[in-house]
PDB file of N, CA and C in Angstrom:
ATOM      1  N   MET A   1      14.127 -16.913-177.282  1.00  0.00           N
ATOM      2  CA  MET A   1      12.523 -16.269-177.465  1.00  0.00           C
ATOM      3  C   MET A   1      12.652 -15.751-176.098  1.00  0.00           C
ATOM      4  N   GLU A   2      11.629 -14.560-176.247  1.00  0.00           N
ATOM      5  CA  GLU A   2      11.132 -13.891-174.901  1.00  0.00           C
ATOM      6  C   GLU A   2       9.749 -14.070-175.169  1.00  0.00           C
ATOM      7  N   VAL A   3       8.894 -14.227-173.733  1.00  0.00           N
ATOM      8  CA  VAL A   3       7.658 -14.152-173.460  1.00  0.00           C
ATOM      9  C   VAL A   3       7.639 -13.157-172.003  1.00  0.00           C
ATOM     10  N   LYS A   4       6.152 -12.801-172.485  1.00  0.00           N
ATOM     11  CA  LYS A   4       6.096 -11.405-171.400  1.00  0.00           C
ATOM     12  C   LYS A   4       4.784 -12.135-171.228  1.00  0.00           C
ATOM     13  N   ILE A   5       4.059 -12.030-169.492  1.00  0.00           N
ATOM     14  CA  ILE A   5       3.057 -12.472-169.388  1.00  0.00           C
ATOM     15  C   ILE A   5       2.585 -11.463-168.222  1.00  0.00           C
ATOM     16  N   GLY A   6       1.246 -10.842-168.920  1.00  0.00           N
ATOM     17  CA  GLY A   6       0.918  -9.522-168.335  1.00  0.00           C
ATOM     18  C   GLY A   6       0.311 -10.230-167.238  1.00  0.00           C
ATOM     19  N   ILE A   7      -0.277  -9.692-165.584  1.00  0.00           N
ATOM     20  CA  ILE A   7      -0.416 -10.102-164.726  1.00  0.00           C
ATOM     21  C   ILE A   7      -1.761  -9.651-164.276  1.00  0.00           C
ATOM     22  N   ALA A   8      -2.980  -9.915-164.109  1.00  0.00           N
ATOM     23  CA  ALA A   8      -4.199  -8.803-163.512  1.00  0.00           C
ATOM     24  C   ALA A   8      -4.129  -8.249-162.291  1.00  0.00           C
ATOM     25  N   ASP A   9      -4.352  -6.885-162.577  1.00  0.00           N
ATOM     26  CA  ASP A   9      -4.246  -6.272-161.124  1.00  0.00           C
ATOM     27  C   ASP A   9      -3.125  -5.984-160.555  1.00  0.00           C
ATOM     28  N   SER A  10      -1.932  -6.169-161.783  1.00  0.00           N
ATOM     29  CA  SER A  10      -0.729  -5.840-161.145  1.00  0.00           C
ATOM     30  C   SER A  10      -0.074  -4.924-162.285  1.00  0.00           C
ATOM     31  N   ASN A  11       0.748  -4.305-161.574  1.00  0.00           N
ATOM     32  CA  ASN A  11       1.703  -3.229-162.537  1.00  0.00           C
ATOM     33  C   ASN A  11       2.918  -3.918-163.344  1.00  0.00           C
ATOM     34  N   ARG A  12       3.113  -5.175-163.242  1.00  0.00           N
ATOM     35  CA  ARG A  12       4.489  -5.526-163.671  1.00  0.00           C
ATOM     36  C   ARG A  12       4.369  -6.513-164.479  1.00  0.00           C
ATOM     37  N   GLU A  13       5.016  -7.429-165.283  1.00  0.00           N
ATOM     38  CA  GLU A  13       4.916  -7.764-165.972  1.00  0.00           C
ATOM     39  C   GLU A  13       6.054  -9.183-165.649  1.00  0.00           C
ATOM     40  N   LEU A  14       5.500 -10.785-165.697  1.00  0.00           N
ATOM     41  CA  LEU A  14       6.483 -11.403-165.839  1.00  0.00           C
ATOM     42  C   LEU A  14       7.303 -11.800-167.255  1.00  0.00           C
ATOM     43  N   VAL A  15       8.920 -11.183-167.120  1.00  0.00           N
ATOM     44  CA  VAL A  15       9.203 -11.652-168.800  1.00  0.00           C
ATOM     45  C   VAL A  15      10.485 -12.327-168.783  1.00  0.00           C
ATOM     46  N   PHE A  16      10.211 -13.282-169.535  1.00  0.00           N
ATOM     47  CA  PHE A  16      11.717 -14.113-169.669  1.00  0.00           C
ATOM     48  C   PHE A  16      12.395 -14.912-171.134  1.00  0.00           C
ATOM     49  N   LYS A  17      13.345 -15.232-171.582  1.00  0.00           N
ATOM     50  CA  LYS A  17      13.545 -15.769-171.948  1.00  0.00           C
ATOM     51  C   LYS A  17      13.649 -17.398-172.070  1.00  0.00           C
ATOM     52  N   THR A  18      13.225 -18.223-173.187  1.00  0.00           N
ATOM     53  CA  THR A  18      13.003 -19.602-172.840  1.00  0.00           C
ATOM     54  C   THR A  18      13.371 -20.294-174.422  1.00  0.00           C
ATOM     55  N   GLY A  19      13.821 -21.269-174.181  1.00  0.00           N
ATOM     56  CA  GLY A  19      14.232 -22.154-175.641  1.00  0.00           C
ATOM     57  C   GLY A  19      13.304 -22.736-176.365  1.00  0.00           C
ATOM     58  N   MET A  20      12.366 -22.429-175.740  1.00  0.00           N
ATOM     59  CA  MET A  20      11.351 -23.409-176.531  1.00  0.00           C
ATOM     60  C   MET A  20      10.699 -22.582-177.533  1.00  0.00           C
ATOM     61  N   ALA A  21      10.104 -23.561-178.468  1.00  0.00           N
ATOM     62  CA  ALA A  21       9.559 -22.874-179.830  1.00  0.00           C
ATOM     63  C   ALA A  21       8.445 -21.968-179.607  1.00  0.00           C
ATOM     64  N   PRO A  22       8.067 -20.899-180.494  1.00  0.00           N
ATOM     65  CA  PRO A  22       6.803 -19.997-180.396  1.00  0.00           C
ATOM     66  C   PRO A  22       6.051 -21.025-180.460  1.00  0.00           C
ATOM     67  N   GLU A  23       5.561 -21.931-180.996  1.00  0.00           N
ATOM     68  CA  GLU A  23       4.274 -22.793-181.278  1.00  0.00           C
ATOM     69  C   GLU A  23       4.104 -23.745-180.037  1.00  0.00           C
ATOM     70  N   ASP A  24       5.075 -23.862-179.047  1.00  0.00           N
ATOM     71  CA  ASP A  24       4.992 -25.147-178.029  1.00  0.00           C
ATOM     72  C   ASP A  24       4.322 -24.002-177.116  1.00  0.00           C
ATOM     73  N   VAL A  25       5.058 -22.797-177.011  1.00  0.00           N
ATOM     74  CA  VAL A  25       4.340 -21.814-175.813  1.00  0.00           C
ATOM     75  C   VAL A  25       3.161 -21.895-176.108  1.00  0.00           C
ATOM     76  N   GLN A  26       2.933 -21.105-177.627  1.00  0.00           N
ATOM     77  CA  GLN A  26       1.342 -21.089-177.495  1.00  0.00           C
ATOM     78  C   GLN A  26       0.309 -22.119-177.365  1.00  0.00           C
ATOM     79  N   LYS A  27       0.935 -23.761-177.457  1.00  0.00           N
ATOM     80  CA  LYS A  27      -0.219 -24.440-177.154  1.00  0.00           C
ATOM     81  C   LYS A  27      -0.300 -24.746-175.550  1.00  0.00           C
ATOM     82  N   ARG A  28       0.742 -24.647-175.227  1.00  0.00           N
ATOM     83  CA  ARG A  28       1.259 -24.460-173.686  1.00  0.00           C
ATOM     84  C   ARG A  28      -0.183 -23.510-172.985  1.00  0.00           C
ATOM     85  N   VAL A  29       0.302 -22.280-173.739  1.00  0.00           N
ATOM     86  CA  VAL A  29      -1.130 -21.502-173.377  1.00  0.00           C
ATOM     87  C   VAL A  29      -2.207 -21.535-173.529  1.00  0.00           C
ATOM     88  N   GLU A  30      -2.936 -22.011-174.683  1.00  0.00           N
ATOM     89  CA  GLU A  30      -3.814 -21.666-175.386  1.00  0.00           C
ATOM     90  C   GLU A  30      -4.094 -23.344-174.462  1.00  0.00           C
ATOM     91  N   ALA A  31      -4.052 -24.178-174.055  1.00  0.00           N
ATOM     92  CA  ALA A  31      -4.360 -25.354-173.140  1.00  0.00           C
ATOM     93  C   ALA A  31      -4.650 -25.061-172.110  1.00  0.00           C
ATOM     94  N   ALA A  32      -4.091 -24.312-170.831  1.00  0.00           N
ATOM     95  CA  ALA A  32      -4.037 -23.590-170.179  1.00  0.00           C
ATOM     96  C   ALA A  32      -5.117 -23.017-169.436  1.00  0.00           C
ATOM     97  N   LEU A  33      -5.267 -21.807-170.354  1.00  0.00           N
ATOM     98  CA  LEU A  33      -6.441 -21.292-170.628  1.00  0.00           C
ATOM     99  C   LEU A  33      -7.976 -21.964-170.704  1.00  0.00           C
ATOM    100  N   THR A  34      -7.804 -22.948-171.968  1.00  0.00           N
ATOM    101  CA  THR A  34      -9.234 -22.983-172.341  1.00  0.00           C
ATOM    102  C   THR A  34      -9.855 -24.559-171.400  1.00  0.00           C
ATOM    103  N   ALA A  35      -8.661 -24.846-170.543  1.00  0.00           N
ATOM    104  CA  ALA A  35      -9.365 -26.081-170.057  1.00  0.00           C
ATOM    105  C   ALA A  35     -10.484 -25.469-168.796  1.00  0.00           C
ATOM    106  N   GLU A  36     -11.042 -26.854-168.520  1.00  0.00           N
ATOM    107  CA  GLU A  36     -12.689 -26.527-168.018  1.00  0.00           C
ATOM    108  C   GLU A  36     -12.133 -26.251-166.512  1.00  0.00           C
ATOM    109  N   ALA A  37     -11.585 -27.008-165.739  1.00  0.00           N
ATOM    110  CA  ALA A  37     -11.132 -26.650-164.283  1.00  0.00           C
ATOM    111  C   ALA A  37     -10.017 -25.747-163.994  1.00  0.00           C
ATOM    112  N   LYS A  38     -10.167 -24.988-163.070  1.00  0.00           N
ATOM    113  CA  LYS A  38      -9.286 -23.906-162.383  1.00  0.00           C
ATOM    114  C   LYS A  38      -7.650 -24.430-163.001  1.00  0.00           C
ATOM    115  N   ALA A  39      -7.083 -23.715-163.904  1.00  0.00           N
ATOM    116  CA  ALA A  39      -5.240 -24.502-164.270  1.00  0.00           C
ATOM    117  C   ALA A  39      -4.763 -23.431-163.714  1.00  0.00           C
ATOM    118  N   VAL A  40      -3.253 -23.673-164.123  1.00  0.00           N
ATOM    119  CA  VAL A  40      -1.760 -22.956-163.621  1.00  0.00           C
ATOM    120  C   VAL A  40      -0.975 -23.426-165.161  1.00  0.00           C
ATOM    121  N   LEU A  41      -0.722 -21.952-165.729  1.00  0.00           N
ATOM    122  CA  LEU A  41       0.167 -22.004-166.651  1.00  0.00           C
ATOM    123  C   LEU A  41       1.483 -22.314-166.214  1.00  0.00           C
ATOM    124  N   GLU A  42       2.059 -23.448-167.200  1.00  0.00           N
ATOM    125  CA  GLU A  42       3.726 -23.484-166.326  1.00  0.00           C
ATOM    126  C   GLU A  42       4.508 -23.223-167.326  1.00  0.00           C
ATOM    127  N   LEU A  43       5.679 -22.802-167.582  1.00  0.00           N
ATOM    128  CA  LEU A  43       6.523 -22.214-168.876  1.00  0.00           C
ATOM    129  C   LEU A  43       7.894 -21.984-167.845  1.00  0.00           C
ATOM    130  N   GLU A  44       8.810 -22.409-168.610  1.00  0.00           N
ATOM    131  CA  GLU A  44      10.322 -23.145-167.737  1.00  0.00           C
ATOM    132  C   GLU A  44      11.249 -21.442-169.087  1.00  0.00           C
ATOM    133  N   ASP A  45      12.436 -21.150-168.139  1.00  0.00           N
ATOM    134  CA  ASP A  45      12.922 -20.475-168.978  1.00  0.00           C
ATOM    135  C   ASP A  45      14.922 -21.318-169.209  1.00  0.00           C
ATOM    136  N   GLU A  46      14.987 -20.769-170.003  1.00  0.00           N
ATOM    137  CA  GLU A  46      16.558 -21.133-170.408  1.00  0.00           C
ATOM    138  C   GLU A  46      17.180 -21.837-169.240  1.00  0.00           C
ATOM    139  N   LYS A  47      17.139 -21.044-167.942  1.00  0.00           N
ATOM    140  CA  LYS A  47      18.541 -21.638-166.892  1.00  0.00           C
ATOM    141  C   LYS A  47      17.520 -22.871-166.172  1.00  0.00           C
ATOM    142  N   GLY A  48      16.396 -22.934-166.506  1.00  0.00           N
ATOM    143  CA  GLY A  48      15.620 -24.330-165.927  1.00  0.00           C
ATOM    144  C   GLY A  48      14.562 -23.835-164.878  1.00  0.00           C
ATOM    145  N   ARG A  49      14.478 -22.774-164.653  1.00  0.00           N
ATOM    146  CA  ARG A  49      13.784 -21.940-163.673  1.00  0.00           C
ATOM    147  C   ARG A  49      11.829 -22.388-164.000  1.00  0.00           C
ATOM    148  N   CYS A  50      11.270 -22.380-163.420  1.00  0.00           N
ATOM    149  CA  CYS A  50       9.864 -22.953-163.872  1.00  0.00           C
ATOM    150  C   CYS A  50       8.593 -21.567-163.125  1.00  0.00           C
ATOM    151  N   TYR A  51       8.101 -21.032-164.505  1.00  0.00           N
ATOM    152  CA  TYR A  51       7.111 -20.025-163.746  1.00  0.00           C
ATOM    153  C   TYR A  51       5.805 -21.058-164.019  1.00  0.00           C
ATOM    154  N   LEU A  52       4.812 -20.707-162.618  1.00  0.00           N
ATOM    155  CA  LEU A  52       3.640 -21.103-162.290  1.00  0.00           C
ATOM    156  C   LEU A  52       2.606 -19.810-162.510  1.00  0.00           C
ATOM    157  N   VAL A  53       1.856 -19.325-163.248  1.00  0.00           N
ATOM    158  CA  VAL A  53       0.946 -18.393-162.760  1.00  0.00           C
ATOM    159  C   VAL A  53      -0.569 -19.193-163.437  1.00  0.00           C
ATOM    160  N   SER A  54      -1.144 -18.894-162.125  1.00  0.00           N
ATOM    161  CA  SER A  54      -3.047 -18.970-162.345  1.00  0.00           C
ATOM    162  C   SER A  54      -3.680 -18.567-163.555  1.00  0.00           C
ATOM    163  N   THR A  55      -4.335 -19.373-164.220  1.00  0.00           N
ATOM    164  CA  THR A  55      -4.701 -18.721-165.814  1.00  0.00           C
ATOM    165  C   THR A  55      -5.587 -17.773-164.998  1.00  0.00           C
ATOM    166  N   ASP A  56      -6.362 -17.724-164.276  1.00  0.00           N
ATOM    167  CA  ASP A  56      -7.334 -16.664-164.038  1.00  0.00           C
ATOM    168  C   ASP A  56      -6.769 -15.104-163.851  1.00  0.00           C
ATOM    169  N   ARG A  57      -5.370 -15.249-163.518  1.00  0.00           N
ATOM    170  CA  ARG A  57      -4.626 -14.011-162.988  1.00  0.00           C
ATOM    171  C   ARG A  57      -3.990 -13.846-164.521  1.00  0.00           C
ATOM    172  N   VAL A  58      -4.008 -14.541-165.601  1.00  0.00           N
ATOM    173  CA  VAL A  58      -3.311 -14.139-166.864  1.00  0.00           C
ATOM    174  C   VAL A  58      -4.099 -12.914-167.556  1.00  0.00           C
ATOM    175  N   ALA A  59      -3.270 -11.923-167.820  1.00  0.00           N
ATOM    176  CA  ALA A  59      -4.100 -10.613-168.492  1.00  0.00           C
ATOM    177  C   ALA A  59      -4.288 -10.758-170.224  1.00  0.00           C
ATOM    178  N   TYR A  60      -2.484 -11.299-170.748  1.00  0.00           N
ATOM    179  CA  TYR A  60      -2.539 -11.234-171.986  1.00  0.00           C
ATOM    180  C   TYR A  60      -0.883 -12.219-171.756  1.00  0.00           C
ATOM    181  N   VAL A  61      -0.306 -12.391-172.744  1.00  0.00           N
ATOM    182  CA  VAL A  61       0.713 -13.238-173.053  1.00  0.00           C
ATOM    183  C   VAL A  61       1.882 -13.266-174.251  1.00  0.00           C
ATOM    184  N   GLU A  62       2.534 -12.456-174.675  1.00  0.00           N
ATOM    185  CA  GLU A  62       3.017 -11.741-175.670  1.00  0.00           C
ATOM    186  C   GLU A  62       4.494 -12.545-175.943  1.00  0.00           C
ATOM    187  N   ILE A  63       4.076 -13.422-177.183  1.00  0.00           N
ATOM    188  CA  ILE A  63       5.669 -14.252-177.597  1.00  0.00           C
ATOM    189  C   ILE A  63       6.099 -13.911-178.632  1.00  0.00           C
ATOM    190  N   GLY A  64       7.516 -13.665-178.372  1.00  0.00           N
ATOM    191  CA  GLY A  64       8.098 -13.260-179.869  1.00  0.00           C
ATOM    192  C   GLY A  64       9.794 -12.751-179.555  1.00  0.00           C
ATOM    193  N   GLU A  65      10.364 -12.669-180.316  1.00  0.00           N
ATOM    194  CA  GLU A  65      11.889 -12.180-180.509  1.00  0.00           C
ATOM    195  C   GLU A  65      12.329 -10.969-179.333  1.00  0.00           C
ATOM    196  N   SER A  66      13.169 -10.970-178.694  1.00  0.00           N
ATOM    197  CA  SER A  66      13.654  -9.806-177.996  1.00  0.00           C
ATOM    198  C   SER A  66      14.102  -8.969-179.044  1.00  0.00           C
ATOM    199  N   ALA A  67      14.075  -7.549-178.603  1.00  0.00           N
ATOM    200  CA  ALA A  67      14.291  -6.714-179.649  1.00  0.00           C
ATOM    201  C   ALA A  67      15.929  -6.792-179.220  1.00  0.00           C
ATOM    202  N   ARG A  68      16.449  -6.227-180.530  1.00  0.00           N
ATOM    203  CA  ARG A  68      17.752  -5.827-180.524  1.00  0.00           C
ATOM    204  C   ARG A  68      17.989  -4.264-180.435  1.00  0.00           C
ATOM    205  N   ARG A  69      19.080  -4.062-179.526  1.00  0.00           N
ATOM    206  CA  ARG A  69      19.328  -2.562-179.195  1.00  0.00           C
ATOM    207  C   ARG A  69      20.751  -2.551-180.181  1.00  0.00           C
ATOM    208  N   ALA A  70      20.227  -1.047-180.718  1.00  0.00           N
ATOM    209  CA  ALA A  70      21.760  -0.395-181.210  1.00  0.00           C
ATOM    210  C   ALA A  70      22.689   0.112-180.113  1.00  0.00           C
ATOM    211  N   VAL A  71      23.993  -0.289-180.713  1.00  0.00           N
ATOM    212  CA  VAL A  71      24.996   0.315-179.437  1.00  0.00           C
ATOM    213  C   VAL A  71      25.726   1.517-180.376  1.00  0.00           C
ATOM    214  N   GLY A  72      26.459   2.514-179.767  1.00  0.00           N
ATOM    215  CA  GLY A  72      26.591   3.084-180.261  1.00  0.00           C
ATOM    216  C   GLY A  72      25.871   4.304-181.184  1.00  0.00           C
ATOM    217  N   PHE A  73      26.660   4.917-182.236  1.00  0.00           N
ATOM    218  CA  PHE A  73      25.875   6.262-183.062  1.00  0.00           C
ATOM    219  C   PHE A  73      25.265   5.667-184.316  1.00  0.00           C
ATOM    220  N   LEU A  74      24.089   6.002-184.494  1.00  0.00           N
ATOM    221  CA  LEU A  74      23.945   5.903-186.029  1.00  0.00           C
ATOM    222  C   LEU A  74      23.906   6.803-186.981  1.00  0.00           C
ATOM    223  N   SER A  75      24.031   6.840-188.207  1.00  0.00           N
ATOM    224  CA  SER A  75      24.281   7.703-189.063  1.00  0.00           C
ATOM    225  C   SER A  75      23.130   7.839-190.517  1.00  0.00           C
TER     226      SER A  75
END
């Protein structure tokens, strides 16, 4: 599954693939964004790398399957 995080005041997105279930990613994002104190969103990719994003910098989070690209000619 692919996770895409938009960062406020940045032209780039943080994009990575994770083995987590979409529901688990959504729960982590919601918990971090609704926390009373300043929080950090923490997610892990398929290779075990950890991504930490301050919740006050999160513009959006997109959770979904990565698009398959067609190879060759289509008729």
